[in-house]
PDB file of all heavy atoms in Angstrom:
ATOM      1  N   LYS A   1      14.242  66.118 204.385  1.00  0.00           N
ATOM      2  CA  LYS A   1      14.970  64.856 204.249  1.00  0.00           C
ATOM      3  C   LYS A   1      15.725  64.883 202.933  1.00  0.00           C
ATOM      4  O   LYS A   1      15.523  65.782 202.112  1.00  0.00           O
ATOM      5  CB  LYS A   1      14.025  63.663 204.350  1.00  0.00           C
ATOM      6  CG  LYS A   1      12.894  63.609 203.363  1.00  0.00           C
ATOM      7  CD  LYS A   1      11.967  62.440 203.729  1.00  0.00           C
ATOM      8  CE  LYS A   1      10.864  62.238 202.745  1.00  0.00           C
ATOM      9  NZ  LYS A   1       9.997  61.125 203.107  1.00  0.00           N
ATOM     10  N   GLY A   2      16.593  63.919 202.762  1.00  0.00           N
ATOM     11  CA  GLY A   2      17.429  63.886 201.574  1.00  0.00           C
ATOM     12  C   GLY A   2      16.624  63.894 200.289  1.00  0.00           C
ATOM     13  O   GLY A   2      15.490  63.403 200.236  1.00  0.00           O
ATOM     14  N   PHE A   3      17.225  64.450 199.251  1.00  0.00           N
ATOM     15  CA  PHE A   3      16.554  64.552 197.959  1.00  0.00           C
ATOM     16  C   PHE A   3      16.104  63.184 197.448  1.00  0.00           C
ATOM     17  O   PHE A   3      14.975  63.039 196.985  1.00  0.00           O
ATOM     18  CB  PHE A   3      17.489  65.220 196.934  1.00  0.00           C
ATOM     19  CG  PHE A   3      16.926  65.216 195.549  1.00  0.00           C
ATOM     20  CD1 PHE A   3      15.930  66.115 195.197  1.00  0.00           C
ATOM     21  CD2 PHE A   3      17.370  64.309 194.605  1.00  0.00           C
ATOM     22  CE1 PHE A   3      15.386  66.104 193.917  1.00  0.00           C
ATOM     23  CE2 PHE A   3      16.840  64.284 193.324  1.00  0.00           C
ATOM     24  CZ  PHE A   3      15.844  65.187 192.979  1.00  0.00           C
ATOM     25  N   LEU A   4      16.962  62.189 197.535  1.00  0.00           N
ATOM     26  CA  LEU A   4      16.615  60.866 197.000  1.00  0.00           C
ATOM     27  C   LEU A   4      15.518  60.178 197.803  1.00  0.00           C
ATOM     28  O   LEU A   4      14.861  59.273 197.291  1.00  0.00           O
ATOM     29  CB  LEU A   4      17.865  59.985 196.921  1.00  0.00           C
ATOM     30  CG  LEU A   4      18.934  60.475 195.937  1.00  0.00           C
ATOM     31  CD1 LEU A   4      20.161  59.565 196.006  1.00  0.00           C
ATOM     32  CD2 LEU A   4      18.383  60.544 194.516  1.00  0.00           C
ATOM     33  N   GLU A   5      15.296  60.616 199.028  1.00  0.00           N
ATOM     34  CA  GLU A   5      14.221  60.058 199.849  1.00  0.00           C
ATOM     35  C   GLU A   5      12.914  60.861 199.712  1.00  0.00           C
ATOM     36  O   GLU A   5      11.870  60.439 200.186  1.00  0.00           O
ATOM     37  CB  GLU A   5      14.627  60.024 201.323  1.00  0.00           C
ATOM     38  CG  GLU A   5      15.706  59.005 201.658  1.00  0.00           C
ATOM     39  CD  GLU A   5      17.094  59.420 201.202  1.00  0.00           C
ATOM     40  OE1 GLU A   5      17.489  60.572 201.439  1.00  0.00           O
ATOM     41  OE2 GLU A   5      17.774  58.578 200.578  1.00  0.00           O
ATOM     42  N   THR A   6      12.984  62.047 199.100  1.00  0.00           N
ATOM     43  CA  THR A   6      11.806  62.909 198.944  1.00  0.00           C
ATOM     44  C   THR A   6      10.986  62.433 197.758  1.00  0.00           C
ATOM     45  O   THR A   6      11.519  62.197 196.670  1.00  0.00           O
ATOM     46  CB  THR A   6      12.241  64.377 198.738  1.00  0.00           C
ATOM     47  OG1 THR A   6      13.051  64.777 199.840  1.00  0.00           O
ATOM     48  CG2 THR A   6      11.040  65.291 198.633  1.00  0.00           C
ATOM     49  N   THR A   7       9.689  62.299 197.973  1.00  0.00           N
ATOM     50  CA  THR A   7       8.809  61.850 196.894  1.00  0.00           C
ATOM     51  C   THR A   7       8.230  63.037 196.132  1.00  0.00           C
ATOM     52  O   THR A   7       8.181  64.161 196.636  1.00  0.00           O
ATOM     53  CB  THR A   7       7.637  61.015 197.454  1.00  0.00           C
ATOM     54  OG1 THR A   7       6.796  61.879 198.228  1.00  0.00           O
ATOM     55  CG2 THR A   7       8.131  59.847 198.296  1.00  0.00           C
ATOM     56  N   ALA A   8       7.778  62.766 194.931  1.00  0.00           N
ATOM     57  CA  ALA A   8       7.112  63.797 194.132  1.00  0.00           C
ATOM     58  C   ALA A   8       5.858  64.294 194.856  1.00  0.00           C
ATOM     59  O   ALA A   8       5.541  65.493 194.813  1.00  0.00           O
ATOM     60  CB  ALA A   8       6.752  63.250 192.751  1.00  0.00           C
ATOM     61  N   LYS A   9       5.168  63.399 195.539  1.00  0.00           N
ATOM     62  CA  LYS A   9       3.976  63.796 196.301  1.00  0.00           C
ATOM     63  C   LYS A   9       4.340  64.805 197.387  1.00  0.00           C
ATOM     64  O   LYS A   9       3.611  65.780 197.610  1.00  0.00           O
ATOM     65  CB  LYS A   9       3.322  62.549 196.911  1.00  0.00           C
ATOM     66  CG  LYS A   9       2.037  62.822 197.633  1.00  0.00           C
ATOM     67  CD  LYS A   9       1.407  61.528 198.135  1.00  0.00           C
ATOM     68  CE  LYS A   9       0.118  61.836 198.867  1.00  0.00           C
ATOM     69  NZ  LYS A   9      -0.565  60.632 199.316  1.00  0.00           N
ATOM     70  N   GLU A  10       5.479  64.597 198.061  1.00  0.00           N
ATOM     71  CA  GLU A  10       5.916  65.538 199.098  1.00  0.00           C
ATOM     72  C   GLU A  10       6.306  66.886 198.499  1.00  0.00           C
ATOM     73  O   GLU A  10       6.020  67.942 199.073  1.00  0.00           O
ATOM     74  CB  GLU A  10       7.084  64.940 199.884  1.00  0.00           C
ATOM     75  CG  GLU A  10       6.656  63.779 200.769  1.00  0.00           C
ATOM     76  CD  GLU A  10       7.829  62.999 201.322  1.00  0.00           C
ATOM     77  OE1 GLU A  10       8.881  62.861 200.642  1.00  0.00           O
ATOM     78  OE2 GLU A  10       7.687  62.498 202.457  1.00  0.00           O
ATOM     79  N   LEU A  11       6.947  66.869 197.337  1.00  0.00           N
ATOM     80  CA  LEU A  11       7.270  68.122 196.647  1.00  0.00           C
ATOM     81  C   LEU A  11       5.995  68.876 196.307  1.00  0.00           C
ATOM     82  O   LEU A  11       5.874  70.077 196.580  1.00  0.00           O
ATOM     83  CB  LEU A  11       8.082  67.861 195.375  1.00  0.00           C
ATOM     84  CG  LEU A  11       8.281  69.098 194.488  1.00  0.00           C
ATOM     85  CD1 LEU A  11       9.135  70.142 195.182  1.00  0.00           C
ATOM     86  CD2 LEU A  11       8.884  68.683 193.155  1.00  0.00           C
ATOM     87  N   HIS A  12       5.031  68.196 195.732  1.00  0.00           N
ATOM     88  CA  HIS A  12       3.768  68.844 195.347  1.00  0.00           C
ATOM     89  C   HIS A  12       3.023  69.387 196.562  1.00  0.00           C
ATOM     90  O   HIS A  12       2.446  70.478 196.502  1.00  0.00           O
ATOM     91  CB  HIS A  12       2.888  67.893 194.533  1.00  0.00           C
ATOM     92  CG  HIS A  12       3.431  67.635 193.166  1.00  0.00           C
ATOM     93  ND1 HIS A  12       3.396  68.579 192.154  1.00  0.00           N
ATOM     94  CD2 HIS A  12       4.052  66.560 192.655  1.00  0.00           C
ATOM     95  CE1 HIS A  12       3.965  68.087 191.069  1.00  0.00           C
ATOM     96  NE2 HIS A  12       4.374  66.859 191.350  1.00  0.00           N
ATOM     97  N   ALA A  13       3.054  68.657 197.663  1.00  0.00           N
ATOM     98  CA  ALA A  13       2.401  69.140 198.883  1.00  0.00           C
ATOM     99  C   ALA A  13       3.078  70.421 199.385  1.00  0.00           C
ATOM    100  O   ALA A  13       2.403  71.373 199.782  1.00  0.00           O
ATOM    101  CB  ALA A  13       2.424  68.068 199.970  1.00  0.00           C
ATOM    102  N   SER A  14       4.396  70.474 199.349  1.00  0.00           N
ATOM    103  CA  SER A  14       5.126  71.672 199.766  1.00  0.00           C
ATOM    104  C   SER A  14       4.785  72.855 198.867  1.00  0.00           C
ATOM    105  O   SER A  14       4.567  73.978 199.340  1.00  0.00           O
ATOM    106  CB  SER A  14       6.637  71.425 199.737  1.00  0.00           C
ATOM    107  OG  SER A  14       7.002  70.491 200.711  1.00  0.00           O
ATOM    108  N   LEU A  15       4.733  72.615 197.565  1.00  0.00           N
ATOM    109  CA  LEU A  15       4.369  73.675 196.618  1.00  0.00           C
ATOM    110  C   LEU A  15       2.929  74.128 196.820  1.00  0.00           C
ATOM    111  O   LEU A  15       2.631  75.329 196.753  1.00  0.00           O
ATOM    112  CB  LEU A  15       4.597  73.209 195.181  1.00  0.00           C
ATOM    113  CG  LEU A  15       6.055  72.979 194.785  1.00  0.00           C
ATOM    114  CD1 LEU A  15       6.136  72.255 193.446  1.00  0.00           C
ATOM    115  CD2 LEU A  15       6.825  74.288 194.746  1.00  0.00           C
ATOM    116  N   ASP A  16       2.034  73.181 197.077  1.00  0.00           N
ATOM    117  CA  ASP A  16       0.624  73.528 197.292  1.00  0.00           C
ATOM    118  C   ASP A  16       0.456  74.424 198.514  1.00  0.00           C
ATOM    119  O   ASP A  16      -0.276  75.415 198.476  1.00  0.00           O
ATOM    120  CB  ASP A  16      -0.233  72.271 197.463  1.00  0.00           C
ATOM    121  CG  ASP A  16      -0.536  71.577 196.143  1.00  0.00           C
ATOM    122  OD1 ASP A  16      -0.304  72.184 195.080  1.00  0.00           O
ATOM    123  OD2 ASP A  16      -1.004  70.428 196.185  1.00  0.00           O
ATOM    124  N   ILE A  17       1.109  74.094 199.601  1.00  0.00           N
ATOM    125  CA  ILE A  17       0.978  74.879 200.832  1.00  0.00           C
ATOM    126  C   ILE A  17       1.584  76.261 200.656  1.00  0.00           C
ATOM    127  O   ILE A  17       0.955  77.275 200.966  1.00  0.00           O
ATOM    128  CB  ILE A  17       1.653  74.149 202.014  1.00  0.00           C
ATOM    129  CG1 ILE A  17       0.892  72.884 202.370  1.00  0.00           C
ATOM    130  CG2 ILE A  17       1.759  75.074 203.227  1.00  0.00           C
ATOM    131  CD1 ILE A  17       1.654  71.947 203.292  1.00  0.00           C
ATOM    132  N   ASN A  18       2.801  76.324 200.158  1.00  0.00           N
ATOM    133  CA  ASN A  18       3.551  77.569 200.140  1.00  0.00           C
ATOM    134  C   ASN A  18       3.232  78.466 198.954  1.00  0.00           C
ATOM    135  O   ASN A  18       3.068  79.676 199.124  1.00  0.00           O
ATOM    136  CB  ASN A  18       5.050  77.269 200.190  1.00  0.00           C
ATOM    137  CG  ASN A  18       5.456  76.669 201.514  1.00  0.00           C
ATOM    138  OD1 ASN A  18       5.588  77.372 202.494  1.00  0.00           O
ATOM    139  ND2 ASN A  18       5.631  75.354 201.564  1.00  0.00           N
ATOM    140  N   VAL A  19       3.173  77.920 197.759  1.00  0.00           N
ATOM    141  CA  VAL A  19       2.959  78.738 196.567  1.00  0.00           C
ATOM    142  C   VAL A  19       1.472  78.843 196.224  1.00  0.00           C
ATOM    143  O   VAL A  19       0.931  79.955 196.135  1.00  0.00           O
ATOM    144  CB  VAL A  19       3.757  78.184 195.362  1.00  0.00           C
ATOM    145  CG1 VAL A  19       3.554  79.064 194.134  1.00  0.00           C
ATOM    146  CG2 VAL A  19       5.233  78.077 195.694  1.00  0.00           C
ATOM    147  N   ALA A  20       0.817  77.717 196.060  1.00  0.00           N
ATOM    148  CA  ALA A  20      -0.604  77.769 195.706  1.00  0.00           C
ATOM    149  C   ALA A  20      -1.423  78.397 196.827  1.00  0.00           C
ATOM    150  O   ALA A  20      -2.396  79.120 196.565  1.00  0.00           O
ATOM    151  CB  ALA A  20      -1.127  76.367 195.374  1.00  0.00           C
ATOM    152  N   GLY A  21      -1.026  78.162 198.082  1.00  0.00           N
ATOM    153  CA  GLY A  21      -1.738  78.794 199.200  1.00  0.00           C
ATOM    154  C   GLY A  21      -1.714  80.300 199.086  1.00  0.00           C
ATOM    155  O   GLY A  21      -2.753  80.968 199.205  1.00  0.00           O
ATOM    156  N   LEU A  22      -0.534  80.882 198.835  1.00  0.00           N
ATOM    157  CA  LEU A  22      -0.437  82.331 198.659  1.00  0.00           C
ATOM    158  C   LEU A  22      -1.220  82.793 197.435  1.00  0.00           C
ATOM    159  O   LEU A  22      -1.899  83.815 197.474  1.00  0.00           O
ATOM    160  CB  LEU A  22       1.036  82.758 198.547  1.00  0.00           C
ATOM    161  CG  LEU A  22       1.272  84.230 198.219  1.00  0.00           C
ATOM    162  CD1 LEU A  22       0.612  85.155 199.243  1.00  0.00           C
ATOM    163  CD2 LEU A  22       2.760  84.509 198.085  1.00  0.00           C
ATOM    164  N   PHE A  23      -1.139  82.048 196.364  1.00  0.00           N
ATOM    165  CA  PHE A  23      -1.876  82.375 195.140  1.00  0.00           C
ATOM    166  C   PHE A  23      -3.369  82.519 195.432  1.00  0.00           C
ATOM    167  O   PHE A  23      -4.002  83.517 195.062  1.00  0.00           O
ATOM    168  CB  PHE A  23      -1.628  81.286 194.088  1.00  0.00           C
ATOM    169  CG  PHE A  23      -2.334  81.521 192.791  1.00  0.00           C
ATOM    170  CD1 PHE A  23      -1.730  82.277 191.799  1.00  0.00           C
ATOM    171  CD2 PHE A  23      -3.587  80.979 192.556  1.00  0.00           C
ATOM    172  CE1 PHE A  23      -2.381  82.494 190.583  1.00  0.00           C
ATOM    173  CE2 PHE A  23      -4.244  81.193 191.360  1.00  0.00           C
ATOM    174  CZ  PHE A  23      -3.638  81.948 190.363  1.00  0.00           C
ATOM    175  N   HIS A  24      -3.934  81.535 196.119  1.00  0.00           N
ATOM    176  CA  HIS A  24      -5.377  81.563 196.409  1.00  0.00           C
ATOM    177  C   HIS A  24      -5.747  82.677 197.384  1.00  0.00           C
ATOM    178  O   HIS A  24      -6.779  83.337 197.220  1.00  0.00           O
ATOM    179  CB  HIS A  24      -5.838  80.202 196.931  1.00  0.00           C
ATOM    180  CG  HIS A  24      -5.730  79.119 195.898  1.00  0.00           C
ATOM    181  ND1 HIS A  24      -6.425  79.142 194.709  1.00  0.00           N
ATOM    182  CD2 HIS A  24      -4.970  77.989 195.874  1.00  0.00           C
ATOM    183  CE1 HIS A  24      -6.120  78.069 193.992  1.00  0.00           C
ATOM    184  NE2 HIS A  24      -5.240  77.362 194.682  1.00  0.00           N
ATOM    185  N   VAL A  25      -4.920  82.896 198.388  1.00  0.00           N
ATOM    186  CA  VAL A  25      -5.178  83.978 199.349  1.00  0.00           C
ATOM    187  C   VAL A  25      -5.143  85.325 198.627  1.00  0.00           C
ATOM    188  O   VAL A  25      -6.022  86.177 198.827  1.00  0.00           O
ATOM    189  CB  VAL A  25      -4.178  83.932 200.517  1.00  0.00           C
ATOM    190  CG1 VAL A  25      -4.198  85.222 201.325  1.00  0.00           C
ATOM    191  CG2 VAL A  25      -4.479  82.728 201.413  1.00  0.00           C
ATOM    192  N   ALA A  26      -4.155  85.519 197.775  1.00  0.00           N
ATOM    193  CA  ALA A  26      -4.055  86.783 197.036  1.00  0.00           C
ATOM    194  C   ALA A  26      -5.253  86.989 196.119  1.00  0.00           C
ATOM    195  O   ALA A  26      -5.788  88.108 196.022  1.00  0.00           O
ATOM    196  CB  ALA A  26      -2.745  86.817 196.243  1.00  0.00           C
ATOM    197  N   GLN A  27      -5.694  85.946 195.462  1.00  0.00           N
ATOM    198  CA  GLN A  27      -6.871  86.085 194.593  1.00  0.00           C
ATOM    199  C   GLN A  27      -8.125  86.446 195.378  1.00  0.00           C
ATOM    200  O   GLN A  27      -8.989  87.147 194.875  1.00  0.00           O
ATOM    201  CB  GLN A  27      -7.100  84.803 193.792  1.00  0.00           C
ATOM    202  CG  GLN A  27      -6.138  84.680 192.640  1.00  0.00           C
ATOM    203  CD  GLN A  27      -6.628  83.713 191.586  1.00  0.00           C
ATOM    204  OE1 GLN A  27      -7.304  82.724 191.882  1.00  0.00           O
ATOM    205  NE2 GLN A  27      -6.281  83.991 190.349  1.00  0.00           N
TER     206      GLN A  27
END
């Protein structure tokens, strides 16, 4: 959805799934 409609919580959730998820799997 548009940037102005995207919440910080949604950004953090996306980062958690995609980046932190890989980080934890790799560890």
